[in-house]
Amino acid sequence: MKADRVEISRDESGKQWLIRIQVGEEVIRRHAREAKDATQDALRDVAIRIANEEGYQIDRSDVVFS
């Protein structure tokens, strides 16, 4: 199944990255423990891997940062 969008941001405490996978109205939230100064390419790779593990396909262009 294809995800509509994946959003990457820091969580409220600022200690972890928050990966939000949106499929229609459903939103799945997962945390990633990547370094605070991780590159956007590295974070995109992590987000895509997490989406794949959840059973979703996502294009790199559908991964956004907030």
C-alpha atoms as a PDB file:
ATOM      1  CA  MET A   1       0.000   0.000   0.000  1.00  0.00           C
ATOM      2  CA  LYS A   2       1.285   3.487  -0.806  1.00  0.00           C
ATOM      3  CA  ALA A   3       1.564   6.103   1.926  1.00  0.00           C
ATOM      4  CA  ASP A   4       0.373   9.607   1.027  1.00  0.00           C
ATOM      5  CA  ARG A   5       3.006  11.488   2.966  1.00  0.00           C
ATOM      6  CA  VAL A   6       5.745  11.089   5.539  1.00  0.00           C
ATOM      7  CA  GLU A   7       6.643  14.001   7.806  1.00  0.00           C
ATOM      8  CA  ILE A   8       9.836  14.220   9.855  1.00  0.00           C
ATOM      9  CA  SER A   9      10.228  16.530  12.853  1.00  0.00           C
ATOM     10  CA  ARG A  10      11.760  16.592  16.326  1.00  0.00           C
ATOM     11  CA  ASP A  11       9.496  15.308  19.080  1.00  0.00           C
ATOM     12  CA  GLU A  12       8.238  17.654  21.814  1.00  0.00           C
ATOM     13  CA  SER A  13      11.155  16.890  24.113  1.00  0.00           C
ATOM     14  CA  GLY A  14      13.626  17.448  21.259  1.00  0.00           C
ATOM     15  CA  LYS A  15      15.405  14.171  22.022  1.00  0.00           C
ATOM     16  CA  GLN A  16      14.211  12.011  19.120  1.00  0.00           C
ATOM     17  CA  TRP A  17      13.005  12.340  15.566  1.00  0.00           C
ATOM     18  CA  LEU A  18       9.284  11.797  15.013  1.00  0.00           C
ATOM     19  CA  ILE A  19       8.250  10.040  11.803  1.00  0.00           C
ATOM     20  CA  ARG A  20       4.582  10.538  10.872  1.00  0.00           C
ATOM     21  CA  ILE A  21       3.269   8.248   8.128  1.00  0.00           C
ATOM     22  CA  GLN A  22      -0.030   9.416   6.666  1.00  0.00           C
ATOM     23  CA  VAL A  23      -2.293   7.099   4.695  1.00  0.00           C
ATOM     24  CA  GLY A  24      -5.624   8.750   4.036  1.00  0.00           C
ATOM     25  CA  GLU A  25      -6.975   9.813   7.431  1.00  0.00           C
ATOM     26  CA  GLU A  26      -4.775   7.354   9.324  1.00  0.00           C
ATOM     27  CA  VAL A  27      -1.520   8.601  10.867  1.00  0.00           C
ATOM     28  CA  ILE A  28       1.135   6.267  12.243  1.00  0.00           C
ATOM     29  CA  ARG A  29       3.774   7.784  14.528  1.00  0.00           C
ATOM     30  CA  ARG A  30       7.170   6.216  15.106  1.00  0.00           C
ATOM     31  CA  HIS A  31      10.302   7.548  16.788  1.00  0.00           C
ATOM     32  CA  ALA A  32      13.834   7.342  15.402  1.00  0.00           C
ATOM     33  CA  ARG A  33      16.946   7.726  17.510  1.00  0.00           C
ATOM     34  CA  GLU A  34      19.108   9.245  14.792  1.00  0.00           C
ATOM     35  CA  ALA A  35      21.571  11.954  15.768  1.00  0.00           C
ATOM     36  CA  LYS A  36      20.171  15.456  16.185  1.00  0.00           C
ATOM     37  CA  ASP A  37      22.472  16.676  13.400  1.00  0.00           C
ATOM     38  CA  ALA A  38      21.612  13.828  10.984  1.00  0.00           C
ATOM     39  CA  THR A  39      21.410  14.880   7.344  1.00  0.00           C
ATOM     40  CA  GLN A  40      18.087  15.137   5.568  1.00  0.00           C
ATOM     41  CA  ASP A  41      19.127  12.319   3.223  1.00  0.00           C
ATOM     42  CA  ALA A  42      19.896  10.031   6.171  1.00  0.00           C
ATOM     43  CA  LEU A  43      16.569  10.893   7.815  1.00  0.00           C
ATOM     44  CA  ARG A  44      14.698  10.273   4.552  1.00  0.00           C
ATOM     45  CA  ASP A  45      16.314   6.824   4.350  1.00  0.00           C
ATOM     46  CA  VAL A  46      15.243   6.068   7.932  1.00  0.00           C
ATOM     47  CA  ALA A  47      11.678   7.286   7.276  1.00  0.00           C
ATOM     48  CA  ILE A  48      11.401   5.178   4.126  1.00  0.00           C
ATOM     49  CA  ARG A  49      12.730   2.118   5.986  1.00  0.00           C
ATOM     50  CA  ILE A  50      10.220   2.624   8.804  1.00  0.00           C
ATOM     51  CA  ALA A  51       7.354   3.067   6.334  1.00  0.00           C
ATOM     52  CA  ASN A  52       8.417  -0.137   4.544  1.00  0.00           C
ATOM     53  CA  GLU A  53       8.533  -2.012   7.865  1.00  0.00           C
ATOM     54  CA  GLU A  54       4.958  -0.861   8.504  1.00  0.00           C
ATOM     55  CA  GLY A  55       3.956  -2.231   5.081  1.00  0.00           C
ATOM     56  CA  TYR A  56       3.825   1.064   3.168  1.00  0.00           C
ATOM     57  CA  GLN A  57       5.666   2.260   0.082  1.00  0.00           C
ATOM     58  CA  ILE A  58       6.687   5.911  -0.163  1.00  0.00           C
ATOM     59  CA  ASP A  59       8.501   8.024  -2.748  1.00  0.00           C
ATOM     60  CA  ARG A  60      11.450  10.119  -1.544  1.00  0.00           C
ATOM     61  CA  SER A  61       9.669  13.218  -2.857  1.00  0.00           C
ATOM     62  CA  ASP A  62       6.738  12.535  -0.479  1.00  0.00           C
ATOM     63  CA  VAL A  63       8.990  12.811   2.611  1.00  0.00           C
ATOM     64  CA  VAL A  64       8.793  16.327   4.096  1.00  0.00           C
ATOM     65  CA  PHE A  65      10.399  18.088   7.045  1.00  0.00           C
ATOM     66  CA  SER A  66       8.583  20.345   9.476  1.00  0.00           C
END
